[in-house]
N, C-alpha and C. Protein backbone atom coordinates (compact mmCIF):
# COMPACT_ATOMS: atom_id res chain seq x y z
N MET A 1 22.52 71.70 -59.66
CA MET A 1 23.57 72.19 -59.11
C MET A 1 24.07 74.04 -60.21
N ALA A 2 22.92 75.09 -59.00
CA ALA A 2 23.85 76.17 -59.83
C ALA A 2 25.24 76.47 -60.33
N ASP A 3 24.76 78.00 -61.00
CA ASP A 3 26.30 78.35 -60.99
C ASP A 3 27.46 78.60 -60.04
N GLU A 4 27.09 78.91 -58.79
CA GLU A 4 27.64 79.21 -57.90
C GLU A 4 27.31 78.49 -56.56
N LEU A 5 27.36 78.05 -55.75
CA LEU A 5 27.02 77.65 -54.59
C LEU A 5 27.78 77.97 -53.40
N THR A 6 27.27 78.21 -52.10
CA THR A 6 28.13 78.86 -51.40
C THR A 6 27.52 77.84 -50.20
N THR A 7 28.41 77.05 -49.14
CA THR A 7 28.25 76.21 -48.21
C THR A 7 29.26 75.84 -47.09
N GLU A 8 28.92 75.92 -46.57
CA GLU A 8 30.15 74.98 -44.91
C GLU A 8 30.79 73.94 -45.61
N LEU A 9 32.12 74.00 -44.88
CA LEU A 9 32.72 72.60 -45.72
C LEU A 9 33.81 71.87 -44.35
N ILE A 10 33.97 71.27 -44.32
CA ILE A 10 35.10 70.58 -43.06
C ILE A 10 35.93 69.95 -44.02
N THR A 11 37.00 70.43 -44.52
CA THR A 11 38.00 70.22 -45.51
C THR A 11 39.00 69.03 -44.74
N LEU A 12 39.12 67.93 -45.59
CA LEU A 12 39.73 66.63 -45.49
C LEU A 12 40.42 66.51 -46.31
N LYS A 13 40.92 67.05 -47.31
CA LYS A 13 42.21 66.62 -48.00
C LYS A 13 42.25 67.73 -49.14
N ARG A 14 44.05 67.71 -49.51
CA ARG A 14 44.52 69.33 -50.79
C ARG A 14 45.49 68.26 -51.28
N THR A 15 45.19 68.27 -52.03
CA THR A 15 46.50 67.85 -53.55
C THR A 15 46.62 68.53 -54.47
N PRO A 16 47.99 68.96 -54.31
CA PRO A 16 48.79 69.36 -54.91
C PRO A 16 48.19 69.39 -56.81
N TYR A 17 48.09 70.85 -57.22
CA TYR A 17 47.66 70.76 -58.78
C TYR A 17 48.62 71.63 -59.94
N SER A 18 48.87 71.07 -61.16
CA SER A 18 49.93 72.02 -61.09
C SER A 18 50.74 72.62 -60.19
N GLU A 19 51.20 73.67 -60.63
CA GLU A 19 52.29 74.42 -60.03
C GLU A 19 52.07 75.42 -59.02
N THR A 20 50.56 75.80 -59.59
CA THR A 20 49.83 77.17 -58.46
C THR A 20 48.58 76.32 -57.54
N SER A 21 48.05 75.37 -57.88
CA SER A 21 46.44 75.75 -58.03
C SER A 21 46.96 74.15 -56.53
N TRP A 22 45.30 74.04 -55.79
CA TRP A 22 45.32 73.22 -55.20
C TRP A 22 43.43 72.88 -55.50
N VAL A 23 43.65 71.32 -54.89
CA VAL A 23 42.72 70.62 -55.45
C VAL A 23 41.93 70.45 -54.28
N VAL A 24 40.95 70.91 -53.69
CA VAL A 24 40.56 70.37 -51.76
C VAL A 24 39.34 69.73 -51.97
N VAL A 25 39.31 68.81 -50.99
CA VAL A 25 38.02 67.77 -50.99
C VAL A 25 37.61 67.64 -49.16
N GLY A 26 36.05 68.51 -49.29
CA GLY A 26 35.36 68.45 -48.21
C GLY A 26 34.46 67.77 -47.31
N LEU A 27 34.20 68.21 -46.36
CA LEU A 27 32.24 67.83 -46.17
C LEU A 27 31.82 68.55 -45.80
N SER A 28 30.58 68.44 -46.78
CA SER A 28 29.29 69.62 -46.79
C SER A 28 27.86 69.53 -46.15
N PRO A 29 27.35 69.23 -45.22
CA PRO A 29 26.10 69.92 -45.02
C PRO A 29 25.58 68.89 -46.37
N GLU A 30 25.10 70.15 -47.24
CA GLU A 30 24.26 69.94 -48.32
C GLU A 30 24.63 68.95 -49.48
N HIS A 31 25.65 68.75 -49.80
CA HIS A 31 26.55 68.52 -50.86
C HIS A 31 27.50 67.41 -50.86
N GLY A 32 27.26 67.06 -49.35
CA GLY A 32 28.23 65.88 -49.15
C GLY A 32 29.96 66.12 -49.39
N LEU A 33 30.46 65.17 -50.41
CA LEU A 33 31.38 65.46 -50.47
C LEU A 33 31.77 66.45 -51.37
N LEU A 34 32.75 67.37 -51.07
CA LEU A 34 32.51 68.44 -52.16
C LEU A 34 33.79 68.74 -53.11
N SER A 35 34.44 68.50 -53.93
CA SER A 35 35.51 69.15 -54.27
C SER A 35 35.44 70.07 -55.45
N PHE A 36 36.92 70.96 -54.73
CA PHE A 36 36.79 72.00 -55.97
C PHE A 36 38.36 72.47 -55.90
N MET A 37 39.11 72.88 -56.91
CA MET A 37 39.94 73.41 -57.35
C MET A 37 39.94 75.19 -56.88
N TYR A 38 41.42 75.45 -56.09
CA TYR A 38 41.43 76.93 -56.37
C TYR A 38 42.80 77.45 -56.14
N ARG A 39 42.48 77.66 -57.56
CA ARG A 39 43.66 78.47 -58.44
C ARG A 39 44.79 79.28 -57.93
N GLY A 40 46.11 79.23 -57.99
CA GLY A 40 46.88 80.15 -57.80
C GLY A 40 47.14 80.14 -56.93
N ALA A 41 46.81 79.59 -55.52
CA ALA A 41 46.54 79.46 -53.59
C ALA A 41 48.07 79.28 -53.54
N ARG A 42 48.95 78.53 -54.49
CA ARG A 42 50.67 77.95 -54.06
C ARG A 42 51.58 79.59 -54.51
N ARG A 43 51.14 80.45 -55.31
CA ARG A 43 52.05 80.66 -55.47
C ARG A 43 51.68 82.43 -55.25
N VAL A 44 50.83 82.68 -54.11
CA VAL A 44 50.70 83.84 -53.43
C VAL A 44 50.79 83.36 -52.08
N SER A 45 51.22 84.87 -51.55
CA SER A 45 51.54 85.08 -49.99
C SER A 45 50.21 84.45 -49.40
N LYS A 46 49.67 84.17 -48.03
CA LYS A 46 48.56 84.23 -47.12
C LYS A 46 47.77 85.61 -46.95
N ARG A 47 48.99 86.91 -47.37
CA ARG A 47 48.11 87.97 -47.25
C ARG A 47 47.15 87.76 -47.98
N GLN A 48 47.47 87.58 -49.53
CA GLN A 48 46.79 87.32 -50.57
C GLN A 48 45.53 86.66 -50.78
N TYR A 49 46.02 85.64 -49.73
CA TYR A 49 44.40 84.87 -50.61
C TYR A 49 44.11 84.26 -49.00
N SER A 50 43.07 84.10 -48.61
CA SER A 50 42.32 83.20 -47.58
C SER A 50 43.26 81.59 -47.10
N MET A 51 44.39 81.08 -47.10
CA MET A 51 44.65 79.90 -47.19
C MET A 51 43.48 79.13 -46.83
N ILE A 52 43.38 77.99 -47.02
CA ILE A 52 42.72 76.76 -46.74
C ILE A 52 43.50 75.57 -46.32
N ASP A 53 43.33 74.82 -45.33
CA ASP A 53 43.92 73.58 -45.21
C ASP A 53 42.89 72.53 -44.27
N VAL A 54 43.88 71.42 -44.50
CA VAL A 54 42.89 70.46 -43.94
C VAL A 54 42.33 70.26 -42.42
N LEU A 55 41.23 70.26 -42.27
CA LEU A 55 41.09 69.93 -40.94
C LEU A 55 40.20 71.41 -40.30
N GLN A 56 39.73 71.87 -41.58
CA GLN A 56 39.15 73.00 -41.15
C GLN A 56 37.55 73.29 -42.02
N HIS A 57 36.82 74.48 -40.85
CA HIS A 57 35.86 74.21 -40.38
C HIS A 57 36.00 75.82 -41.52
N VAL A 58 35.04 75.60 -43.22
CA VAL A 58 35.29 77.58 -43.69
C VAL A 58 33.57 77.07 -44.25
N SER A 59 33.12 78.47 -44.56
CA SER A 59 32.33 79.01 -45.31
C SER A 59 32.94 78.93 -46.69
N VAL A 60 32.86 78.93 -47.79
CA VAL A 60 33.32 79.01 -49.60
C VAL A 60 31.99 78.64 -49.99
N THR A 61 32.40 79.68 -51.16
CA THR A 61 31.85 79.53 -52.25
C THR A 61 32.46 79.28 -53.92
N CYS A 62 31.81 78.38 -54.72
CA CYS A 62 32.65 77.93 -55.23
C CYS A 62 31.33 78.59 -56.62
N ARG A 63 32.40 78.55 -57.84
CA ARG A 63 31.11 78.37 -59.42
C ARG A 63 31.55 77.56 -59.99
N ARG A 64 30.72 76.72 -61.06
CA ARG A 64 31.02 75.60 -61.77
C ARG A 64 32.77 76.54 -63.03
N GLY A 65 33.23 75.57 -63.54
CA GLY A 65 34.33 75.60 -64.18
C GLY A 65 33.99 74.42 -65.41
N ARG A 66 34.93 74.60 -65.99
CA ARG A 66 35.20 74.14 -67.33
C ARG A 66 34.61 72.19 -67.72
N GLY A 67 35.21 72.04 -66.65
CA GLY A 67 34.95 70.44 -66.20
C GLY A 67 34.00 69.98 -65.26
N ASP A 68 34.23 69.10 -64.88
CA ASP A 68 33.23 68.61 -63.32
C ASP A 68 33.61 69.00 -62.22
N LEU A 69 34.74 69.91 -62.38
CA LEU A 69 35.65 70.22 -60.77
C LEU A 69 34.97 71.70 -60.63
N LEU A 70 34.35 71.92 -59.26
CA LEU A 70 34.29 73.51 -59.43
C LEU A 70 35.87 74.46 -59.02
N VAL A 71 35.52 75.61 -59.20
CA VAL A 71 36.00 76.55 -59.02
C VAL A 71 36.24 77.08 -57.50
N TRP A 72 37.19 77.80 -56.65
CA TRP A 72 37.44 78.48 -55.47
C TRP A 72 37.17 79.83 -56.40
N ARG A 73 35.95 80.81 -55.43
CA ARG A 73 35.47 82.50 -55.66
C ARG A 73 35.98 83.06 -54.04
N SER A 74 35.87 82.02 -53.31
CA SER A 74 36.11 82.98 -51.72
C SER A 74 35.95 81.92 -50.93
N SER A 75 36.37 82.78 -49.44
CA SER A 75 36.32 81.35 -48.12
C SER A 75 36.37 82.22 -47.33
N GLU A 76 35.95 81.88 -46.17
CA GLU A 76 35.84 83.07 -45.09
C GLU A 76 36.47 81.46 -44.15
N LEU A 77 37.50 81.60 -42.89
CA LEU A 77 37.99 80.45 -42.05
C LEU A 77 36.51 80.86 -40.53
N LEU A 78 36.27 79.73 -40.96
CA LEU A 78 35.34 79.56 -39.43
C LEU A 78 35.97 79.09 -38.24
N THR A 79 36.71 78.14 -38.46
CA THR A 79 37.07 77.50 -36.94
C THR A 79 38.46 76.43 -37.40
N ASP A 80 39.39 76.54 -36.82
CA ASP A 80 40.37 76.01 -37.15
C ASP A 80 40.49 74.66 -36.30
N TYR A 81 40.57 73.42 -36.87
CA TYR A 81 40.50 72.33 -36.12
C TYR A 81 42.20 71.57 -35.62
N GLY A 82 42.70 72.19 -36.71
CA GLY A 82 44.31 71.67 -36.68
C GLY A 82 45.14 71.32 -35.92
N GLY A 83 44.90 71.61 -34.47
CA GLY A 83 45.37 71.54 -33.33
C GLY A 83 45.35 70.39 -32.97
N VAL A 84 44.38 69.18 -33.60
CA VAL A 84 44.62 68.04 -32.65
C VAL A 84 45.01 67.35 -33.29
N ALA A 85 46.15 67.64 -34.07
CA ALA A 85 47.65 67.19 -35.07
C ALA A 85 48.25 67.23 -33.54
N HIS A 86 48.65 68.37 -32.74
CA HIS A 86 49.53 68.18 -31.98
C HIS A 86 49.56 66.72 -31.05
N ASP A 87 47.97 66.17 -31.17
CA ASP A 87 47.84 65.23 -30.08
C ASP A 87 48.18 64.19 -30.62
N TYR A 88 48.62 62.79 -30.66
CA TYR A 88 49.18 61.87 -31.67
C TYR A 88 47.88 61.08 -31.65
N PRO A 89 47.97 60.79 -30.65
CA PRO A 89 46.56 59.16 -30.24
C PRO A 89 45.11 60.27 -30.92
N LEU A 90 44.90 61.50 -30.82
CA LEU A 90 43.65 61.80 -31.11
C LEU A 90 43.59 61.87 -32.54
N TYR A 91 45.13 62.58 -32.93
CA TYR A 91 44.97 62.80 -34.27
C TYR A 91 44.82 61.47 -35.00
N GLN A 92 45.55 60.28 -34.99
CA GLN A 92 45.34 59.13 -35.30
C GLN A 92 43.72 58.62 -35.59
N SER A 93 42.54 58.95 -34.74
CA SER A 93 42.05 58.77 -34.75
C SER A 93 40.99 59.52 -35.83
N ILE A 94 41.27 60.36 -36.01
CA ILE A 94 40.86 61.50 -36.92
C ILE A 94 41.03 61.51 -37.90
N GLY A 95 42.40 60.75 -38.25
CA GLY A 95 42.91 60.85 -39.38
C GLY A 95 42.53 59.61 -39.90
N TRP A 96 42.25 58.44 -39.45
CA TRP A 96 40.91 57.35 -39.61
C TRP A 96 39.65 57.87 -40.04
N LEU A 97 38.98 58.97 -39.01
CA LEU A 97 37.59 59.08 -39.61
C LEU A 97 37.70 60.05 -41.21
N MET A 98 38.74 60.45 -40.86
CA MET A 98 39.25 61.24 -42.75
C MET A 98 38.88 60.22 -43.82
N ARG A 99 39.76 59.29 -43.58
CA ARG A 99 40.61 58.40 -44.71
C ARG A 99 38.47 57.58 -45.03
N PHE A 100 38.04 57.39 -43.59
CA PHE A 100 36.71 56.79 -43.65
C PHE A 100 35.66 57.55 -44.53
N LEU A 101 35.70 58.94 -44.32
CA LEU A 101 34.52 60.10 -44.86
C LEU A 101 35.03 60.67 -46.54
N LEU A 102 35.91 60.28 -47.06
CA LEU A 102 36.33 59.94 -48.62
C LEU A 102 36.59 59.31 -49.00
N LEU A 103 35.66 57.77 -48.53
CA LEU A 103 35.71 56.19 -48.94
C LEU A 103 34.47 56.67 -48.94
N ASN A 104 33.84 57.01 -48.06
CA ASN A 104 32.18 56.28 -48.45
C ASN A 104 30.65 57.75 -48.36
N VAL A 105 31.36 58.70 -48.15
CA VAL A 105 30.55 59.90 -48.69
C VAL A 105 30.94 60.32 -50.05
N PHE A 106 29.29 59.97 -50.94
CA PHE A 106 29.71 60.84 -52.46
C PHE A 106 28.69 62.33 -52.19
N ALA A 107 29.86 62.61 -53.67
CA ALA A 107 29.53 63.98 -53.42
C ALA A 107 27.70 63.96 -54.55
N GLY A 108 27.48 65.13 -53.58
CA GLY A 108 25.52 65.30 -54.11
C GLY A 108 24.26 64.44 -53.22
N VAL A 109 25.69 64.05 -52.38
CA VAL A 109 24.40 63.36 -50.86
C VAL A 109 24.60 63.57 -49.81
N PRO A 110 23.00 64.70 -49.68
CA PRO A 110 23.58 65.27 -48.07
C PRO A 110 23.74 64.89 -46.74
N GLN A 111 24.75 65.07 -46.23
CA GLN A 111 24.67 64.69 -45.13
C GLN A 111 25.24 65.43 -43.85
N PRO A 112 23.62 65.72 -43.77
CA PRO A 112 24.03 67.16 -42.64
C PRO A 112 23.89 66.59 -41.41
N ALA A 113 23.46 65.28 -40.99
CA ALA A 113 23.86 64.44 -39.67
C ALA A 113 25.48 63.95 -39.21
N VAL A 114 26.17 63.33 -40.17
CA VAL A 114 26.99 63.05 -40.66
C VAL A 114 28.05 64.37 -39.66
N PHE A 115 28.01 65.46 -40.89
CA PHE A 115 28.71 66.84 -40.43
C PHE A 115 28.97 67.33 -38.81
N GLN A 116 27.19 67.10 -38.59
CA GLN A 116 27.26 67.64 -37.42
C GLN A 116 28.09 66.30 -36.02
N THR A 117 28.27 65.83 -36.70
CA THR A 117 28.92 65.01 -35.59
C THR A 117 30.28 64.67 -35.68
N PHE A 118 31.23 65.00 -36.70
CA PHE A 118 32.29 65.03 -37.37
C PHE A 118 32.78 66.55 -36.96
N GLN A 119 31.80 67.19 -36.64
CA GLN A 119 31.89 68.49 -36.36
C GLN A 119 32.21 69.11 -34.76
N THR A 120 31.42 68.20 -34.15
CA THR A 120 31.17 67.58 -32.56
C THR A 120 32.50 66.95 -32.39
N VAL A 121 32.87 65.99 -33.02
CA VAL A 121 33.90 65.38 -32.56
C VAL A 121 35.16 66.35 -32.35
N LEU A 122 35.61 67.13 -33.57
CA LEU A 122 36.07 67.65 -33.39
C LEU A 122 36.33 68.86 -32.60
N LYS A 123 35.43 69.29 -32.01
CA LYS A 123 35.62 70.31 -31.23
C LYS A 123 35.90 69.42 -29.90
N ARG A 124 35.80 68.07 -29.39
CA ARG A 124 35.57 67.35 -28.48
C ARG A 124 37.09 67.20 -28.06
N LEU A 125 37.41 66.84 -29.63
CA LEU A 125 39.00 66.29 -29.48
C LEU A 125 39.96 67.30 -29.46
N CYS A 126 40.14 68.59 -29.78
CA CYS A 126 40.30 69.56 -29.57
C CYS A 126 40.79 70.31 -28.51
N ALA A 127 39.38 70.54 -27.59
CA ALA A 127 39.70 70.74 -26.19
C ALA A 127 40.44 69.80 -25.02
N ALA A 128 40.68 68.31 -25.95
CA ALA A 128 41.31 67.18 -25.00
C ALA A 128 42.17 67.58 -25.31
N SER A 129 42.65 67.55 -26.73
CA SER A 129 44.64 67.53 -26.73
C SER A 129 45.39 68.40 -26.21
N GLY A 130 46.02 67.83 -25.72
CA GLY A 130 47.49 68.08 -25.13
C GLY A 130 47.15 68.50 -23.24
N ALA A 131 45.66 67.49 -22.86
CA ALA A 131 45.73 67.96 -22.04
C ALA A 131 46.17 66.19 -20.60
N PRO A 132 46.78 66.98 -19.45
CA PRO A 132 47.11 66.77 -19.01
C PRO A 132 46.65 64.69 -18.54
N THR A 133 45.05 65.42 -18.41
CA THR A 133 44.35 64.17 -18.14
C THR A 133 42.85 64.37 -19.16
N ARG A 134 41.88 64.14 -19.76
CA ARG A 134 40.98 63.60 -20.62
C ARG A 134 40.43 62.04 -20.12
N GLN A 135 39.17 62.11 -20.75
CA GLN A 135 38.09 61.12 -21.35
C GLN A 135 38.55 59.88 -21.56
N GLU A 136 38.65 58.85 -21.11
CA GLU A 136 39.55 57.56 -21.24
C GLU A 136 38.44 56.94 -22.46
N GLY A 137 39.42 56.47 -23.64
CA GLY A 137 39.09 56.44 -25.27
C GLY A 137 38.12 57.42 -25.75
N LEU A 138 39.00 58.84 -25.84
CA LEU A 138 38.44 59.71 -26.88
C LEU A 138 38.47 59.58 -27.71
N GLY A 139 39.80 59.24 -28.37
CA GLY A 139 39.83 58.78 -30.01
C GLY A 139 38.57 57.93 -30.28
N ASP A 140 38.45 56.86 -29.68
CA ASP A 140 37.93 55.43 -29.95
C ASP A 140 36.52 55.55 -29.93
N ALA A 141 35.82 56.62 -28.62
CA ALA A 141 34.42 57.20 -29.27
C ALA A 141 34.36 57.90 -29.90
N ALA A 142 35.59 58.85 -30.54
CA ALA A 142 35.25 59.82 -31.39
C ALA A 142 34.91 59.52 -33.03
N VAL A 143 35.43 57.97 -33.16
CA VAL A 143 34.90 56.82 -34.34
C VAL A 143 33.81 56.12 -34.54
N VAL A 144 33.26 55.84 -33.13
CA VAL A 144 32.13 55.12 -32.76
C VAL A 144 30.96 55.98 -33.61
N VAL A 145 31.42 57.31 -32.83
CA VAL A 145 29.84 57.79 -32.52
C VAL A 145 29.66 58.69 -34.49
N THR A 146 30.94 58.91 -34.88
CA THR A 146 30.61 59.12 -36.64
C THR A 146 30.26 58.43 -37.29
N CYS A 147 30.86 57.07 -37.00
CA CYS A 147 30.70 55.51 -37.66
C CYS A 147 28.62 55.57 -37.32
N LEU A 148 28.43 55.66 -36.63
CA LEU A 148 26.76 54.72 -36.16
C LEU A 148 26.08 56.25 -36.78
N ALA A 149 26.56 57.70 -37.03
CA ALA A 149 25.79 58.91 -37.27
C ALA A 149 25.80 58.52 -39.01
N TYR A 150 27.22 58.24 -39.05
CA TYR A 150 27.11 57.98 -41.28
C TYR A 150 25.62 56.54 -41.67
N LEU A 151 26.29 55.79 -40.52
CA LEU A 151 25.11 54.68 -41.01
C LEU A 151 23.63 54.49 -40.86
N ASN A 152 23.55 55.23 -39.74
CA ASN A 152 21.67 55.47 -39.30
C ASN A 152 21.12 56.47 -40.30
N GLU A 153 22.31 57.63 -40.76
CA GLU A 153 21.62 58.82 -41.95
C GLU A 153 21.89 58.09 -43.52
N ASN A 154 22.48 56.97 -43.32
CA ASN A 154 22.51 56.71 -44.89
C ASN A 154 21.06 55.21 -44.67
N GLY A 155 20.55 55.14 -43.59
CA GLY A 155 19.59 53.81 -43.88
C GLY A 155 20.60 52.39 -43.68
N LEU A 156 21.53 52.05 -42.96
CA LEU A 156 22.68 51.08 -43.10
C LEU A 156 22.68 50.50 -41.40
N LEU A 157 22.33 51.19 -40.49
CA LEU A 157 22.14 50.78 -38.82
C LEU A 157 21.02 50.27 -38.85
N PRO A 158 21.37 48.30 -38.15
CA PRO A 158 20.41 48.02 -38.00
C PRO A 158 19.51 48.51 -36.30
N ASP A 159 18.15 48.05 -37.45
CA ASP A 159 17.04 48.38 -35.69
C ASP A 159 17.52 47.64 -34.63
N PHE A 160 17.80 47.03 -34.59
CA PHE A 160 18.16 45.91 -33.10
C PHE A 160 16.66 45.63 -32.28
N GLU A 161 15.98 45.78 -32.69
CA GLU A 161 14.49 44.97 -32.33
C GLU A 161 14.57 44.45 -31.24
N GLU A 162 15.33 43.41 -31.62
CA GLU A 162 15.79 41.68 -30.76
C GLU A 162 16.45 42.39 -29.37
N ASP A 163 16.84 43.27 -29.43
CA ASP A 163 18.14 43.21 -28.55
C ASP A 163 17.71 45.02 -28.81
N PRO A 164 16.20 45.42 -27.58
CA PRO A 164 16.64 46.93 -26.67
C PRO A 164 18.00 47.25 -26.06
N ARG A 165 18.77 46.70 -25.31
CA ARG A 165 19.49 47.23 -24.74
C ARG A 165 20.46 48.41 -26.15
N THR A 166 21.09 47.02 -26.99
CA THR A 166 21.55 47.52 -27.99
C THR A 166 21.27 48.86 -28.40
N GLU A 167 19.96 48.91 -28.83
CA GLU A 167 18.89 49.63 -29.60
C GLU A 167 18.85 51.45 -28.79
N ARG A 168 19.14 51.08 -26.76
CA ARG A 168 19.09 52.30 -26.04
C ARG A 168 20.57 52.77 -26.05
N GLN A 169 21.48 51.76 -26.04
CA GLN A 169 22.92 52.13 -26.57
C GLN A 169 23.42 52.87 -27.56
N CYS A 170 22.92 52.53 -28.97
CA CYS A 170 22.71 53.41 -29.93
C CYS A 170 22.00 54.67 -30.46
N GLN A 171 21.10 54.65 -29.44
CA GLN A 171 20.69 56.49 -29.24
C GLN A 171 21.53 56.92 -28.69
N ARG A 172 22.05 56.62 -27.21
CA ARG A 172 22.85 57.49 -26.66
C ARG A 172 24.71 57.38 -27.18
N LEU A 173 24.71 56.74 -27.84
CA LEU A 173 25.89 57.32 -29.10
C LEU A 173 25.62 57.98 -29.51
N LEU A 174 24.37 58.04 -30.36
CA LEU A 174 24.09 58.91 -31.57
C LEU A 174 23.77 60.18 -31.09
N LEU A 175 23.17 60.56 -29.36
CA LEU A 175 22.91 61.67 -29.34
C LEU A 175 24.05 62.87 -28.99
N ALA A 176 25.58 61.14 -28.33
CA ALA A 176 26.57 62.15 -28.02
C ALA A 176 26.82 63.17 -28.94
N GLY A 177 26.95 62.15 -30.18
CA GLY A 177 27.67 62.48 -31.22
C GLY A 177 26.68 64.03 -31.99
N ARG A 178 25.78 63.90 -31.58
CA ARG A 178 25.44 65.63 -32.03
C ARG A 178 25.24 66.64 -31.02
N GLY A 179 26.22 66.10 -29.82
CA GLY A 179 26.65 67.10 -29.21
C GLY A 179 24.82 67.35 -27.87
N GLU A 180 24.67 66.20 -28.08
CA GLU A 180 22.92 66.62 -26.80
C GLU A 180 23.64 65.79 -25.37
N ASN A 181 24.34 65.24 -25.50
CA ASN A 181 25.17 64.81 -24.05
C ASN A 181 26.53 64.46 -24.23
N GLU A 182 26.98 64.01 -23.86
CA GLU A 182 28.44 63.41 -22.88
C GLU A 182 28.78 62.49 -23.96
N PHE A 183 29.72 61.94 -23.76
CA PHE A 183 30.31 60.30 -24.22
C PHE A 183 30.42 59.52 -23.05
N PRO A 184 29.66 58.24 -22.99
CA PRO A 184 30.07 57.26 -22.19
C PRO A 184 30.95 57.58 -21.40
N THR A 185 31.17 57.71 -20.18
CA THR A 185 32.64 56.81 -19.11
C THR A 185 32.28 55.49 -19.01
N LEU A 186 33.42 55.40 -19.95
CA LEU A 186 33.85 53.44 -20.07
C LEU A 186 35.10 53.82 -19.45
N SER A 187 35.70 52.70 -19.72
CA SER A 187 37.08 52.45 -19.53
C SER A 187 37.53 51.99 -21.26
N ALA A 188 39.24 52.61 -21.64
CA ALA A 188 40.34 52.63 -22.93
C ALA A 188 39.45 51.44 -23.13
N GLU A 189 39.48 50.30 -22.77
CA GLU A 189 39.66 48.82 -22.95
C GLU A 189 38.15 49.09 -23.46
N THR A 190 37.32 49.22 -22.78
CA THR A 190 35.55 48.83 -23.26
C THR A 190 35.79 49.73 -24.19
N TRP A 191 35.80 51.41 -24.84
CA TRP A 191 35.92 52.29 -25.39
C TRP A 191 36.41 50.83 -26.81
N GLN A 192 38.11 50.67 -26.63
CA GLN A 192 38.09 49.51 -27.92
C GLN A 192 37.25 48.52 -28.29
N SER A 193 36.58 47.90 -27.19
CA SER A 193 35.77 46.68 -28.14
C SER A 193 34.36 47.19 -28.71
N VAL A 194 34.27 48.65 -28.35
CA VAL A 194 32.91 49.10 -29.05
C VAL A 194 32.96 49.77 -30.33
N ARG A 195 34.87 50.05 -30.37
CA ARG A 195 35.26 50.75 -31.49
C ARG A 195 35.20 49.55 -33.03
N GLU A 196 35.66 47.80 -32.24
CA GLU A 196 35.52 47.37 -32.77
C GLU A 196 34.16 46.30 -33.38
N TRP A 197 33.06 46.73 -32.65
CA TRP A 197 31.57 46.00 -32.80
C TRP A 197 31.04 47.33 -33.59
N GLY A 198 31.49 48.78 -33.52
CA GLY A 198 31.21 49.50 -34.92
C GLY A 198 31.69 49.51 -36.34
N VAL A 199 33.30 49.03 -35.94
CA VAL A 199 33.87 48.84 -37.42
C VAL A 199 32.96 47.33 -38.26
N THR A 200 32.95 46.33 -37.02
CA THR A 200 32.78 44.99 -37.52
C THR A 200 30.89 45.65 -38.47
N LEU A 201 30.23 46.59 -38.16
CA LEU A 201 29.04 46.81 -38.80
C LEU A 201 29.41 47.84 -39.88
N LEU A 202 29.70 48.29 -39.91
CA LEU A 202 30.79 48.71 -41.47
C LEU A 202 30.91 47.44 -42.31
N HIS A 203 31.47 46.66 -42.27
CA HIS A 203 32.09 45.50 -42.61
C HIS A 203 30.33 44.67 -43.00
N GLN A 204 29.77 44.66 -42.79
CA GLN A 204 28.16 44.03 -42.21
C GLN A 204 27.42 44.66 -43.37
N THR A 205 27.95 45.84 -43.83
CA THR A 205 27.09 47.18 -44.47
C THR A 205 27.73 47.53 -45.52
N ASP A 206 28.78 47.17 -45.80
CA ASP A 206 29.59 47.04 -46.64
C ASP A 206 30.70 48.01 -47.11
N CYS A 207 30.61 48.97 -46.11
CA CYS A 207 31.10 50.55 -45.92
C CYS A 207 32.88 49.94 -46.28
N SER A 208 33.68 50.64 -47.00
CA SER A 208 35.07 51.05 -47.38
C SER A 208 35.60 50.95 -46.18
N VAL A 209 36.49 50.65 -45.16
CA VAL A 209 36.94 50.61 -43.73
C VAL A 209 38.59 50.68 -44.06
N PRO A 210 38.88 51.67 -43.91
CA PRO A 210 40.41 52.45 -44.11
C PRO A 210 41.17 51.17 -43.62
N GLY A 211 41.85 50.59 -43.78
CA GLY A 211 43.25 49.53 -43.49
C GLY A 211 43.12 48.32 -43.73
N SER A 212 41.32 48.12 -43.72
CA SER A 212 41.16 46.71 -44.79
C SER A 212 41.08 46.45 -45.88
N ARG A 213 41.36 44.80 -46.11
CA ARG A 213 41.54 44.94 -47.45
C ARG A 213 40.71 43.82 -48.04
């Protein structure tokens, strides 16, 4: 890794560090899970610093520090997806996905497809947040397409050669995750069943599943 890097990032976690700083962790398409120290950010006003919070799509420039942790140099907010937190059922699904990514994505391992899918999911859920009517099972759909994108990108998704119907459905869901088509129109109960199937695939491939022992 060069002494300085610039990358897009979707922030997943922000933890206090000392009395003045944050440690920020996010998903980068080129670098997988990326962590950096945001020095002094807790003792200055928003007008002095470009504040970073969770569920933000940012462009960030970091440099190497004395240890393994990178150090923030500058950042630009591209999109704020925090509005999904106002719709609790949808935010529950996003929270589950954030924990899943933190548990299963590794530093230094590129994840461009997972990044694109998670970004697509955030866009769609933010657009639906608070709407009087929305597609049924949207939160479960978000979980399914993101997990399938992770399994597929990391070579863990079964090929389903003996089950062409399931293979076609997987490809349709992967395309939906990339934003190339809409989520299938299914009942909430059916989406819940599809999510349970997706979580079963995670267990079968020894992924860490939030809420599992």
